[in-house]
Amino acid sequence: MNSTIITMLVIAYLLGSIPSGVWIGKIFYKIDIREFGSGNTGTTNTFRVLGKKAGFIVLLMDMLKGTIAACQPYMFDIHINVLLIGCAAVVGHVFPLFARFRGGKAVATSAGILLAYNPLFFGIAWIIFLTSLYLSSMVSVASMVGMTLITLLSLYFQDPVLTIIALILTIFVFFRHKGNLARIRKGTENLVPFGLVYARKKRKQK
C-alpha cells in the first residue's frame, strides 16, 4: 500500500477520534456527557445533555471530521475513492483514540464523508433525514431510515464502492442502534420536541 494512502488513513482515523461532544462538554460546561443521558458521545446526546447550541456545534464538528478526512485524496492529488479514506474517520468516531475507544454512532461523520464525495447526494441525504425526523420525531428512526434509503439511492450513481460502503455503514448504524430499536418496540424511545409523533403525544397529554 502506498505510504501516502497509509498516512491519509491514519490522519482520517485521528480526525475521527476527536471526541467533539466530550471536549465541548468538559471545556465549556464542565460536564462529561458520557455520564448523562444515553452515555453516547455523539450529536444526539449532546443536544439532550448540553442543549441546542452545543448540539449544533458538535453536529458541525462531527460532520467536518468526515469531510476533511475524505477530502485528503484531493489535497494529496491521489487517485483513490474518497469514501475509502473517509471510512477511517468513521472508525475513529466510533472507536476514538482520544476517548478510551468509546464513541458515537457514526451518522454525522458518515454524512460528512458523503459531502466530500458528492454535495448533491449529501443534500438529498439531509432531506431524507429531516423528513424522517419530522415524521417520526425520533433521531434513531431518522438515522436508520435515512441510511437505508441512501444505500438504495446509491445504486443510481453506479459506483460499487459507494453502494458497498453505504450498505456496510447502514448495517453498522442499525447495530449501534439496537438499544434504540428495543425502546422503539416498547414505545419508550426518546422524542425530539417537534414532528408528528411528538405533536400527537402532546395532544394526548392534554
N, C-alpha and C. Protein backbone atom coordinates (compact mmCIF):
# COMPACT_ATOMS: atom_id res chain seq x y z
N MET A 1 0.84 -1.19 0.00
CA MET A 1 0.00 0.00 0.00
C MET A 1 0.88 1.25 0.00
N ASN A 2 0.51 2.22 -0.81
CA ASN A 2 1.25 3.46 -0.91
C ASN A 2 1.36 4.15 0.45
N SER A 3 2.55 4.65 0.79
CA SER A 3 2.76 5.28 2.09
C SER A 3 1.86 6.50 2.28
N THR A 4 1.56 7.20 1.19
CA THR A 4 0.68 8.36 1.28
C THR A 4 -0.73 7.94 1.67
N ILE A 5 -1.18 6.83 1.13
CA ILE A 5 -2.52 6.33 1.48
C ILE A 5 -2.56 5.93 2.95
N ILE A 6 -1.50 5.28 3.42
CA ILE A 6 -1.43 4.91 4.84
C ILE A 6 -1.48 6.16 5.71
N THR A 7 -0.74 7.18 5.30
CA THR A 7 -0.74 8.44 6.04
C THR A 7 -2.13 9.05 6.08
N MET A 8 -2.83 9.04 4.94
CA MET A 8 -4.18 9.59 4.89
C MET A 8 -5.13 8.82 5.80
N LEU A 9 -5.00 7.50 5.83
CA LEU A 9 -5.85 6.68 6.68
C LEU A 9 -5.62 6.99 8.16
N VAL A 10 -4.35 7.15 8.52
CA VAL A 10 -4.01 7.47 9.91
C VAL A 10 -4.57 8.84 10.29
N ILE A 11 -4.39 9.82 9.40
CA ILE A 11 -4.92 11.16 9.66
C ILE A 11 -6.44 11.12 9.78
N ALA A 12 -7.08 10.37 8.89
CA ALA A 12 -8.54 10.26 8.92
C ALA A 12 -9.00 9.65 10.24
N TYR A 13 -8.31 8.61 10.68
CA TYR A 13 -8.69 7.98 11.95
C TYR A 13 -8.51 8.95 13.11
N LEU A 14 -7.41 9.69 13.13
CA LEU A 14 -7.16 10.64 14.21
C LEU A 14 -8.18 11.78 14.19
N LEU A 15 -8.55 12.24 13.00
CA LEU A 15 -9.60 13.25 12.90
C LEU A 15 -10.92 12.72 13.45
N GLY A 16 -11.25 11.50 13.05
CA GLY A 16 -12.48 10.89 13.54
C GLY A 16 -12.46 10.67 15.04
N SER A 17 -11.27 10.51 15.61
CA SER A 17 -11.13 10.24 17.04
C SER A 17 -11.36 11.47 17.91
N ILE A 18 -11.44 12.64 17.29
CA ILE A 18 -11.69 13.85 18.09
C ILE A 18 -13.09 13.74 18.71
N PRO A 19 -13.18 13.61 20.03
CA PRO A 19 -14.49 13.42 20.69
C PRO A 19 -15.18 14.76 20.91
N SER A 20 -15.78 15.28 19.87
CA SER A 20 -16.33 16.64 19.90
C SER A 20 -17.25 16.87 21.09
N GLY A 21 -18.19 15.97 21.30
CA GLY A 21 -19.15 16.13 22.39
C GLY A 21 -18.48 16.14 23.75
N VAL A 22 -17.52 15.26 23.94
CA VAL A 22 -16.80 15.17 25.21
C VAL A 22 -16.01 16.45 25.47
N TRP A 23 -15.28 16.91 24.46
CA TRP A 23 -14.45 18.10 24.64
C TRP A 23 -15.29 19.36 24.86
N ILE A 24 -16.36 19.53 24.08
CA ILE A 24 -17.24 20.69 24.26
C ILE A 24 -17.85 20.66 25.65
N GLY A 25 -18.29 19.49 26.08
CA GLY A 25 -18.90 19.37 27.40
C GLY A 25 -17.94 19.70 28.53
N LYS A 26 -16.73 19.16 28.44
CA LYS A 26 -15.75 19.36 29.51
C LYS A 26 -15.21 20.79 29.54
N ILE A 27 -14.93 21.35 28.36
CA ILE A 27 -14.31 22.68 28.30
C ILE A 27 -15.29 23.79 28.65
N PHE A 28 -16.50 23.73 28.09
CA PHE A 28 -17.43 24.85 28.23
C PHE A 28 -18.53 24.62 29.26
N TYR A 29 -18.80 23.35 29.60
CA TYR A 29 -19.91 23.08 30.53
C TYR A 29 -19.46 22.32 31.78
N LYS A 30 -18.18 21.93 31.82
CA LYS A 30 -17.63 21.18 32.95
C LYS A 30 -18.44 19.90 33.21
N ILE A 31 -18.88 19.28 32.10
CA ILE A 31 -19.70 18.06 32.16
C ILE A 31 -19.12 17.02 31.21
N ASP A 32 -19.08 15.78 31.66
CA ASP A 32 -18.73 14.67 30.78
C ASP A 32 -20.03 14.04 30.32
N ILE A 33 -20.39 14.28 29.05
CA ILE A 33 -21.70 13.82 28.58
C ILE A 33 -21.83 12.30 28.60
N ARG A 34 -20.71 11.60 28.72
CA ARG A 34 -20.77 10.14 28.80
C ARG A 34 -21.40 9.67 30.10
N GLU A 35 -21.53 10.58 31.05
CA GLU A 35 -22.11 10.24 32.35
C GLU A 35 -23.58 10.63 32.44
N PHE A 36 -24.15 11.12 31.34
CA PHE A 36 -25.53 11.58 31.35
C PHE A 36 -26.26 11.07 30.10
N GLY A 37 -27.58 11.12 30.15
CA GLY A 37 -28.38 10.71 29.00
C GLY A 37 -28.11 9.27 28.60
N SER A 38 -27.87 9.08 27.32
CA SER A 38 -27.59 7.74 26.79
C SER A 38 -26.16 7.30 27.04
N GLY A 39 -25.31 8.25 27.47
CA GLY A 39 -23.90 7.94 27.66
C GLY A 39 -23.10 8.01 26.37
N ASN A 40 -23.80 8.33 25.27
CA ASN A 40 -23.15 8.41 23.97
C ASN A 40 -22.42 9.74 23.82
N THR A 41 -21.38 9.75 22.99
CA THR A 41 -20.59 10.98 22.82
C THR A 41 -21.02 11.80 21.61
N GLY A 42 -22.02 11.34 20.88
CA GLY A 42 -22.39 11.98 19.62
C GLY A 42 -23.35 13.15 19.74
N THR A 43 -23.86 13.57 18.59
CA THR A 43 -24.68 14.77 18.49
C THR A 43 -25.97 14.67 19.29
N THR A 44 -26.69 13.57 19.16
CA THR A 44 -27.99 13.45 19.81
C THR A 44 -27.89 13.60 21.32
N ASN A 45 -26.93 12.91 21.92
CA ASN A 45 -26.80 13.01 23.37
C ASN A 45 -26.30 14.39 23.78
N THR A 46 -25.51 15.04 22.93
CA THR A 46 -25.07 16.40 23.21
C THR A 46 -26.26 17.34 23.25
N PHE A 47 -27.15 17.23 22.27
CA PHE A 47 -28.38 18.03 22.28
C PHE A 47 -29.16 17.78 23.57
N ARG A 48 -29.27 16.52 23.95
CA ARG A 48 -30.07 16.14 25.11
C ARG A 48 -29.47 16.67 26.41
N VAL A 49 -28.15 16.58 26.52
CA VAL A 49 -27.48 16.92 27.78
C VAL A 49 -27.07 18.39 27.85
N LEU A 50 -26.52 18.92 26.77
CA LEU A 50 -25.95 20.26 26.80
C LEU A 50 -26.81 21.33 26.13
N GLY A 51 -27.79 20.91 25.33
CA GLY A 51 -28.67 21.89 24.70
C GLY A 51 -28.40 22.11 23.22
N LYS A 52 -29.21 22.97 22.61
CA LYS A 52 -29.19 23.16 21.16
C LYS A 52 -27.87 23.74 20.66
N LYS A 53 -27.37 24.77 21.33
CA LYS A 53 -26.15 25.43 20.86
C LYS A 53 -24.99 24.45 20.79
N ALA A 54 -24.76 23.73 21.87
CA ALA A 54 -23.68 22.75 21.89
C ALA A 54 -23.96 21.62 20.91
N GLY A 55 -25.22 21.23 20.79
CA GLY A 55 -25.59 20.15 19.88
C GLY A 55 -25.26 20.49 18.43
N PHE A 56 -25.59 21.71 18.01
CA PHE A 56 -25.31 22.11 16.63
C PHE A 56 -23.81 22.22 16.38
N ILE A 57 -23.08 22.69 17.38
CA ILE A 57 -21.62 22.80 17.22
C ILE A 57 -21.01 21.41 17.05
N VAL A 58 -21.45 20.47 17.89
CA VAL A 58 -20.92 19.10 17.81
C VAL A 58 -21.34 18.44 16.49
N LEU A 59 -22.56 18.69 16.05
CA LEU A 59 -23.01 18.16 14.75
C LEU A 59 -22.09 18.65 13.65
N LEU A 60 -21.79 19.94 13.63
CA LEU A 60 -20.92 20.51 12.60
C LEU A 60 -19.51 19.92 12.70
N MET A 61 -19.00 19.81 13.92
CA MET A 61 -17.65 19.28 14.10
C MET A 61 -17.56 17.82 13.65
N ASP A 62 -18.57 17.02 14.02
CA ASP A 62 -18.55 15.60 13.66
C ASP A 62 -18.67 15.41 12.15
N MET A 63 -19.47 16.27 11.50
CA MET A 63 -19.57 16.19 10.05
C MET A 63 -18.26 16.60 9.39
N LEU A 64 -17.66 17.69 9.88
CA LEU A 64 -16.42 18.18 9.29
C LEU A 64 -15.28 17.16 9.43
N LYS A 65 -15.29 16.39 10.51
CA LYS A 65 -14.28 15.35 10.65
C LYS A 65 -14.30 14.42 9.45
N GLY A 66 -15.50 14.01 9.05
CA GLY A 66 -15.65 13.12 7.90
C GLY A 66 -15.30 13.81 6.60
N THR A 67 -15.73 15.06 6.45
CA THR A 67 -15.49 15.79 5.21
C THR A 67 -14.01 16.05 4.99
N ILE A 68 -13.33 16.56 6.01
CA ILE A 68 -11.90 16.86 5.90
C ILE A 68 -11.10 15.58 5.64
N ALA A 69 -11.45 14.53 6.38
CA ALA A 69 -10.74 13.26 6.20
C ALA A 69 -10.90 12.75 4.77
N ALA A 70 -12.13 12.82 4.26
CA ALA A 70 -12.41 12.28 2.92
C ALA A 70 -11.85 13.15 1.81
N CYS A 71 -11.59 14.42 2.10
CA CYS A 71 -11.04 15.33 1.08
C CYS A 71 -9.53 15.17 0.90
N GLN A 72 -8.90 14.36 1.70
CA GLN A 72 -7.45 14.22 1.62
C GLN A 72 -6.94 13.78 0.24
N PRO A 73 -7.62 12.84 -0.44
CA PRO A 73 -7.13 12.47 -1.78
C PRO A 73 -7.07 13.66 -2.73
N TYR A 74 -8.00 14.63 -2.57
CA TYR A 74 -7.95 15.84 -3.39
C TYR A 74 -6.72 16.67 -3.02
N MET A 75 -6.45 16.76 -1.72
CA MET A 75 -5.32 17.57 -1.23
C MET A 75 -3.98 16.98 -1.66
N PHE A 76 -3.87 15.65 -1.56
CA PHE A 76 -2.61 14.97 -1.88
C PHE A 76 -2.52 14.60 -3.36
N ASP A 77 -3.63 14.86 -4.11
CA ASP A 77 -3.69 14.52 -5.53
C ASP A 77 -3.43 13.02 -5.74
N ILE A 78 -4.13 12.22 -4.93
CA ILE A 78 -4.05 10.76 -5.04
C ILE A 78 -5.35 10.24 -5.62
N HIS A 79 -5.26 9.39 -6.62
CA HIS A 79 -6.46 8.85 -7.26
C HIS A 79 -6.95 7.62 -6.51
N ILE A 80 -7.80 7.88 -5.52
CA ILE A 80 -8.43 6.83 -4.75
C ILE A 80 -9.80 7.33 -4.33
N ASN A 81 -10.76 6.44 -4.26
CA ASN A 81 -12.12 6.83 -3.89
C ASN A 81 -12.10 7.47 -2.49
N VAL A 82 -12.61 8.69 -2.40
CA VAL A 82 -12.56 9.42 -1.13
C VAL A 82 -13.30 8.68 -0.01
N LEU A 83 -14.28 7.88 -0.38
CA LEU A 83 -15.05 7.15 0.62
C LEU A 83 -14.17 6.17 1.40
N LEU A 84 -13.21 5.58 0.73
CA LEU A 84 -12.34 4.61 1.37
C LEU A 84 -11.51 5.27 2.47
N ILE A 85 -11.03 6.48 2.21
CA ILE A 85 -10.27 7.22 3.22
C ILE A 85 -11.21 7.71 4.32
N GLY A 86 -12.37 8.19 3.92
CA GLY A 86 -13.33 8.71 4.89
C GLY A 86 -13.79 7.68 5.90
N CYS A 87 -13.84 6.43 5.48
CA CYS A 87 -14.29 5.37 6.39
C CYS A 87 -13.38 5.26 7.62
N ALA A 88 -12.11 5.62 7.48
CA ALA A 88 -11.20 5.59 8.63
C ALA A 88 -11.65 6.61 9.67
N ALA A 89 -12.24 7.71 9.23
CA ALA A 89 -12.76 8.71 10.17
C ALA A 89 -13.97 8.17 10.92
N VAL A 90 -14.79 7.38 10.23
CA VAL A 90 -15.94 6.75 10.88
C VAL A 90 -15.47 5.79 11.97
N VAL A 91 -14.44 5.00 11.64
CA VAL A 91 -13.88 4.09 12.64
C VAL A 91 -13.36 4.88 13.84
N GLY A 92 -12.69 6.01 13.56
CA GLY A 92 -12.19 6.84 14.64
C GLY A 92 -13.29 7.43 15.48
N HIS A 93 -14.40 7.82 14.84
CA HIS A 93 -15.52 8.40 15.57
C HIS A 93 -16.17 7.37 16.50
N VAL A 94 -16.29 6.15 16.02
CA VAL A 94 -16.94 5.10 16.82
C VAL A 94 -16.00 4.55 17.89
N PHE A 95 -14.72 4.44 17.54
CA PHE A 95 -13.71 3.92 18.48
C PHE A 95 -12.58 4.96 18.62
N PRO A 96 -12.87 6.09 19.29
CA PRO A 96 -11.91 7.20 19.33
C PRO A 96 -10.71 6.94 20.23
N LEU A 97 -9.54 7.18 19.68
CA LEU A 97 -8.30 7.02 20.43
C LEU A 97 -8.27 7.97 21.63
N PHE A 98 -8.87 9.17 21.47
CA PHE A 98 -8.79 10.20 22.50
C PHE A 98 -9.91 10.13 23.52
N ALA A 99 -10.75 9.09 23.45
CA ALA A 99 -11.86 8.97 24.40
C ALA A 99 -12.06 7.52 24.82
N ARG A 100 -10.94 6.83 25.01
CA ARG A 100 -10.95 5.45 25.51
C ARG A 100 -11.78 4.53 24.60
N PHE A 101 -11.78 4.83 23.31
CA PHE A 101 -12.43 4.00 22.28
C PHE A 101 -13.94 3.87 22.50
N ARG A 102 -14.51 4.86 23.16
CA ARG A 102 -15.96 4.89 23.40
C ARG A 102 -16.54 6.10 22.70
N GLY A 103 -17.13 5.87 21.52
CA GLY A 103 -17.55 6.99 20.70
C GLY A 103 -19.01 7.02 20.34
N GLY A 104 -19.32 7.66 19.22
CA GLY A 104 -20.69 7.86 18.79
C GLY A 104 -21.19 6.79 17.84
N LYS A 105 -22.27 7.12 17.13
CA LYS A 105 -22.94 6.12 16.29
C LYS A 105 -22.68 6.31 14.80
N ALA A 106 -21.83 7.25 14.44
CA ALA A 106 -21.27 7.35 13.08
C ALA A 106 -22.16 8.06 12.06
N VAL A 107 -23.34 8.50 12.43
CA VAL A 107 -24.25 9.07 11.43
C VAL A 107 -23.73 10.41 10.89
N ALA A 108 -23.38 11.34 11.79
CA ALA A 108 -22.94 12.67 11.35
C ALA A 108 -21.63 12.59 10.57
N THR A 109 -20.69 11.78 11.04
CA THR A 109 -19.41 11.66 10.34
C THR A 109 -19.60 11.01 8.97
N SER A 110 -20.49 10.04 8.89
CA SER A 110 -20.80 9.42 7.60
C SER A 110 -21.38 10.45 6.64
N ALA A 111 -22.24 11.33 7.14
CA ALA A 111 -22.81 12.38 6.30
C ALA A 111 -21.71 13.31 5.80
N GLY A 112 -20.73 13.58 6.66
CA GLY A 112 -19.61 14.43 6.25
C GLY A 112 -18.81 13.83 5.12
N ILE A 113 -18.64 12.53 5.16
CA ILE A 113 -17.94 11.83 4.08
C ILE A 113 -18.71 11.98 2.77
N LEU A 114 -20.03 11.87 2.87
CA LEU A 114 -20.87 11.99 1.68
C LEU A 114 -20.76 13.38 1.07
N LEU A 115 -20.59 14.40 1.90
CA LEU A 115 -20.41 15.77 1.39
C LEU A 115 -19.16 15.86 0.53
N ALA A 116 -18.09 15.21 0.95
CA ALA A 116 -16.84 15.23 0.18
C ALA A 116 -17.01 14.44 -1.13
N TYR A 117 -17.81 13.40 -1.09
CA TYR A 117 -17.99 12.54 -2.26
C TYR A 117 -18.88 13.20 -3.31
N ASN A 118 -20.04 13.72 -2.87
CA ASN A 118 -20.99 14.31 -3.81
C ASN A 118 -21.92 15.25 -3.05
N PRO A 119 -21.72 16.57 -3.14
CA PRO A 119 -22.55 17.53 -2.40
C PRO A 119 -24.04 17.39 -2.67
N LEU A 120 -24.42 17.08 -3.93
CA LEU A 120 -25.83 16.93 -4.25
C LEU A 120 -26.43 15.75 -3.50
N PHE A 121 -25.72 14.64 -3.49
CA PHE A 121 -26.19 13.45 -2.77
C PHE A 121 -26.27 13.75 -1.27
N PHE A 122 -25.32 14.53 -0.78
CA PHE A 122 -25.34 14.95 0.62
C PHE A 122 -26.62 15.72 0.93
N GLY A 123 -26.99 16.64 0.02
CA GLY A 123 -28.21 17.42 0.22
C GLY A 123 -29.45 16.54 0.22
N ILE A 124 -29.49 15.59 -0.70
CA ILE A 124 -30.62 14.66 -0.75
C ILE A 124 -30.70 13.84 0.54
N ALA A 125 -29.54 13.43 1.03
CA ALA A 125 -29.49 12.64 2.26
C ALA A 125 -30.06 13.44 3.43
N TRP A 126 -29.74 14.72 3.49
CA TRP A 126 -30.25 15.55 4.57
C TRP A 126 -31.77 15.73 4.47
N ILE A 127 -32.26 15.87 3.25
CA ILE A 127 -33.72 15.99 3.06
C ILE A 127 -34.41 14.72 3.56
N ILE A 128 -33.84 13.57 3.23
CA ILE A 128 -34.38 12.30 3.69
C ILE A 128 -34.37 12.23 5.22
N PHE A 129 -33.23 12.60 5.81
CA PHE A 129 -33.10 12.54 7.26
C PHE A 129 -34.10 13.46 7.95
N LEU A 130 -34.18 14.71 7.50
CA LEU A 130 -35.06 15.68 8.15
C LEU A 130 -36.53 15.31 7.96
N THR A 131 -36.88 14.77 6.79
CA THR A 131 -38.26 14.32 6.57
C THR A 131 -38.60 13.17 7.51
N SER A 132 -37.69 12.21 7.62
CA SER A 132 -37.90 11.06 8.51
C SER A 132 -37.99 11.52 9.96
N LEU A 133 -37.16 12.51 10.32
CA LEU A 133 -37.19 13.04 11.68
C LEU A 133 -38.52 13.73 11.97
N TYR A 134 -39.03 14.48 10.99
CA TYR A 134 -40.31 15.17 11.18
C TYR A 134 -41.45 14.16 11.33
N LEU A 135 -41.41 13.11 10.54
CA LEU A 135 -42.49 12.13 10.58
C LEU A 135 -42.46 11.28 11.85
N SER A 136 -41.26 10.98 12.35
CA SER A 136 -41.12 10.05 13.49
C SER A 136 -40.84 10.73 14.82
N SER A 137 -40.29 11.93 14.79
CA SER A 137 -39.85 12.65 16.00
C SER A 137 -38.76 11.88 16.74
N MET A 138 -38.07 10.98 16.04
CA MET A 138 -37.02 10.18 16.68
C MET A 138 -35.76 10.21 15.81
N VAL A 139 -34.66 10.65 16.41
CA VAL A 139 -33.40 10.70 15.69
C VAL A 139 -32.96 9.30 15.27
N SER A 140 -33.19 8.33 16.13
CA SER A 140 -32.79 6.95 15.83
C SER A 140 -33.49 6.43 14.58
N VAL A 141 -34.78 6.67 14.48
CA VAL A 141 -35.55 6.22 13.31
C VAL A 141 -35.07 6.96 12.06
N ALA A 142 -34.88 8.27 12.18
CA ALA A 142 -34.42 9.06 11.04
C ALA A 142 -33.05 8.58 10.57
N SER A 143 -32.19 8.22 11.50
CA SER A 143 -30.85 7.74 11.15
C SER A 143 -30.92 6.42 10.39
N MET A 144 -31.71 5.48 10.91
CA MET A 144 -31.79 4.15 10.29
C MET A 144 -32.52 4.20 8.95
N VAL A 145 -33.63 4.93 8.90
CA VAL A 145 -34.37 5.06 7.64
C VAL A 145 -33.51 5.80 6.62
N GLY A 146 -32.86 6.86 7.07
CA GLY A 146 -32.01 7.64 6.17
C GLY A 146 -30.90 6.81 5.56
N MET A 147 -30.19 6.05 6.38
CA MET A 147 -29.10 5.22 5.88
C MET A 147 -29.61 4.16 4.90
N THR A 148 -30.77 3.59 5.20
CA THR A 148 -31.35 2.57 4.32
C THR A 148 -31.67 3.15 2.94
N LEU A 149 -32.33 4.31 2.93
CA LEU A 149 -32.71 4.93 1.66
C LEU A 149 -31.48 5.44 0.90
N ILE A 150 -30.47 5.91 1.63
CA ILE A 150 -29.23 6.35 0.99
C ILE A 150 -28.56 5.18 0.29
N THR A 151 -28.58 4.02 0.94
CA THR A 151 -27.99 2.83 0.32
C THR A 151 -28.71 2.48 -0.98
N LEU A 152 -30.04 2.55 -0.96
CA LEU A 152 -30.81 2.25 -2.17
C LEU A 152 -30.54 3.29 -3.26
N LEU A 153 -30.48 4.57 -2.86
CA LEU A 153 -30.23 5.63 -3.84
C LEU A 153 -28.82 5.57 -4.42
N SER A 154 -27.90 4.98 -3.67
CA SER A 154 -26.51 4.89 -4.14
C SER A 154 -26.41 4.08 -5.43
N LEU A 155 -27.38 3.20 -5.67
CA LEU A 155 -27.38 2.40 -6.89
C LEU A 155 -27.46 3.27 -8.14
N TYR A 156 -28.08 4.46 -7.97
CA TYR A 156 -28.23 5.38 -9.11
C TYR A 156 -26.87 5.87 -9.62
N PHE A 157 -25.90 5.98 -8.73
CA PHE A 157 -24.58 6.51 -9.09
C PHE A 157 -23.69 5.46 -9.76
N GLN A 158 -24.12 4.21 -9.72
CA GLN A 158 -23.38 3.11 -10.35
C GLN A 158 -21.92 3.08 -9.92
N ASP A 159 -21.73 3.31 -8.62
CA ASP A 159 -20.39 3.26 -8.03
C ASP A 159 -20.41 2.14 -7.00
N PRO A 160 -19.83 0.98 -7.33
CA PRO A 160 -19.86 -0.16 -6.41
C PRO A 160 -19.27 0.16 -5.04
N VAL A 161 -18.24 0.98 -5.01
CA VAL A 161 -17.62 1.34 -3.73
C VAL A 161 -18.62 2.10 -2.86
N LEU A 162 -19.34 3.04 -3.45
CA LEU A 162 -20.35 3.81 -2.72
C LEU A 162 -21.42 2.89 -2.15
N THR A 163 -21.93 2.00 -2.98
CA THR A 163 -23.01 1.11 -2.55
C THR A 163 -22.54 0.15 -1.45
N ILE A 164 -21.36 -0.42 -1.61
CA ILE A 164 -20.85 -1.36 -0.61
C ILE A 164 -20.61 -0.66 0.72
N ILE A 165 -19.99 0.51 0.68
CA ILE A 165 -19.73 1.25 1.91
C ILE A 165 -21.04 1.71 2.55
N ALA A 166 -21.97 2.18 1.74
CA ALA A 166 -23.27 2.60 2.28
C ALA A 166 -23.98 1.44 2.95
N LEU A 167 -23.91 0.26 2.34
CA LEU A 167 -24.54 -0.93 2.93
C LEU A 167 -23.88 -1.30 4.24
N ILE A 168 -22.55 -1.29 4.26
CA ILE A 168 -21.81 -1.63 5.49
C ILE A 168 -22.15 -0.64 6.61
N LEU A 169 -22.17 0.65 6.26
CA LEU A 169 -22.48 1.67 7.26
C LEU A 169 -23.92 1.54 7.75
N THR A 170 -24.83 1.19 6.85
CA THR A 170 -26.23 1.00 7.25
C THR A 170 -26.36 -0.14 8.26
N ILE A 171 -25.71 -1.26 7.96
CA ILE A 171 -25.74 -2.39 8.90
C ILE A 171 -25.14 -1.98 10.24
N PHE A 172 -24.04 -1.23 10.17
CA PHE A 172 -23.37 -0.81 11.39
C PHE A 172 -24.23 0.15 12.21
N VAL A 173 -24.91 1.08 11.52
CA VAL A 173 -25.79 2.03 12.20
C VAL A 173 -26.93 1.29 12.88
N PHE A 174 -27.50 0.30 12.22
CA PHE A 174 -28.56 -0.50 12.84
C PHE A 174 -28.03 -1.22 14.08
N PHE A 175 -26.82 -1.75 13.97
CA PHE A 175 -26.22 -2.46 15.12
C PHE A 175 -26.01 -1.50 16.29
N ARG A 176 -25.51 -0.30 16.00
CA ARG A 176 -25.27 0.68 17.05
C ARG A 176 -26.56 1.20 17.67
N HIS A 177 -27.67 1.02 16.96
CA HIS A 177 -28.97 1.48 17.46
C HIS A 177 -29.82 0.34 18.01
N LYS A 178 -29.20 -0.79 18.34
CA LYS A 178 -30.00 -1.93 18.81
C LYS A 178 -30.75 -1.60 20.11
N GLY A 179 -30.13 -0.79 20.96
CA GLY A 179 -30.83 -0.36 22.18
C GLY A 179 -32.02 0.52 21.85
N ASN A 180 -31.86 1.39 20.85
CA ASN A 180 -32.96 2.25 20.41
C ASN A 180 -34.10 1.42 19.83
N LEU A 181 -33.74 0.39 19.06
CA LEU A 181 -34.76 -0.48 18.47
C LEU A 181 -35.60 -1.14 19.56
N ALA A 182 -34.96 -1.55 20.64
CA ALA A 182 -35.69 -2.17 21.75
C ALA A 182 -36.65 -1.16 22.38
N ARG A 183 -36.20 0.08 22.55
CA ARG A 183 -37.07 1.10 23.14
C ARG A 183 -38.19 1.50 22.19
N ILE A 184 -37.92 1.49 20.89
CA ILE A 184 -38.98 1.80 19.91
C ILE A 184 -40.08 0.75 20.00
N ARG A 185 -39.70 -0.52 20.11
CA ARG A 185 -40.70 -1.59 20.23
C ARG A 185 -41.53 -1.44 21.50
N LYS A 186 -40.89 -0.95 22.57
CA LYS A 186 -41.59 -0.78 23.85
C LYS A 186 -42.36 0.55 23.92
N GLY A 187 -42.11 1.42 22.95
CA GLY A 187 -42.76 2.72 22.95
C GLY A 187 -42.14 3.70 23.93
N THR A 188 -40.88 3.48 24.28
CA THR A 188 -40.21 4.34 25.27
C THR A 188 -39.04 5.13 24.68
N GLU A 189 -38.91 5.12 23.38
CA GLU A 189 -37.79 5.84 22.75
C GLU A 189 -37.94 7.35 22.96
N ASN A 190 -36.82 8.04 23.16
CA ASN A 190 -36.83 9.49 23.35
C ASN A 190 -37.30 10.19 22.08
N LEU A 191 -38.13 11.22 22.25
CA LEU A 191 -38.62 12.02 21.13
C LEU A 191 -37.97 13.39 21.14
N VAL A 192 -37.72 13.92 19.94
CA VAL A 192 -37.29 15.31 19.84
C VAL A 192 -38.54 16.18 19.97
N PRO A 193 -38.40 17.43 20.43
CA PRO A 193 -39.59 18.25 20.70
C PRO A 193 -40.22 18.89 19.46
N PHE A 194 -40.38 18.12 18.40
CA PHE A 194 -41.11 18.58 17.22
C PHE A 194 -41.43 17.35 16.36
N GLY A 195 -42.24 17.57 15.35
CA GLY A 195 -42.59 16.45 14.47
C GLY A 195 -43.96 15.88 14.78
N LEU A 196 -44.43 15.01 13.93
CA LEU A 196 -45.79 14.50 14.02
C LEU A 196 -46.02 13.63 15.25
N VAL A 197 -45.11 12.73 15.53
CA VAL A 197 -45.29 11.84 16.69
C VAL A 197 -45.27 12.64 17.99
N TYR A 198 -44.36 13.59 18.08
CA TYR A 198 -44.29 14.43 19.28
C TYR A 198 -45.58 15.22 19.45
N ALA A 199 -46.09 15.82 18.37
CA ALA A 199 -47.32 16.60 18.43
C ALA A 199 -48.50 15.72 18.85
N ARG A 200 -48.55 14.49 18.32
CA ARG A 200 -49.63 13.57 18.69
C ARG A 200 -49.57 13.22 20.17
N LYS A 201 -48.36 13.01 20.68
CA LYS A 201 -48.19 12.68 22.09
C LYS A 201 -48.62 13.84 22.98
N LYS A 202 -48.29 15.06 22.59
CA LYS A 202 -48.67 16.23 23.37
C LYS A 202 -50.19 16.42 23.41
N ARG A 203 -50.85 16.12 22.28
CA ARG A 203 -52.31 16.24 22.23
C ARG A 203 -52.96 15.24 23.18
N LYS A 204 -52.40 14.02 23.25
CA LYS A 204 -52.96 13.00 24.13
C LYS A 204 -52.79 13.36 25.60
N GLN A 205 -51.74 14.13 25.91
CA GLN A 205 -51.47 14.50 27.31
C GLN A 205 -52.38 15.62 27.79
N LYS A 206 -53.01 16.31 26.86
CA LYS A 206 -53.89 17.43 27.24
C LYS A 206 -55.25 16.92 27.74
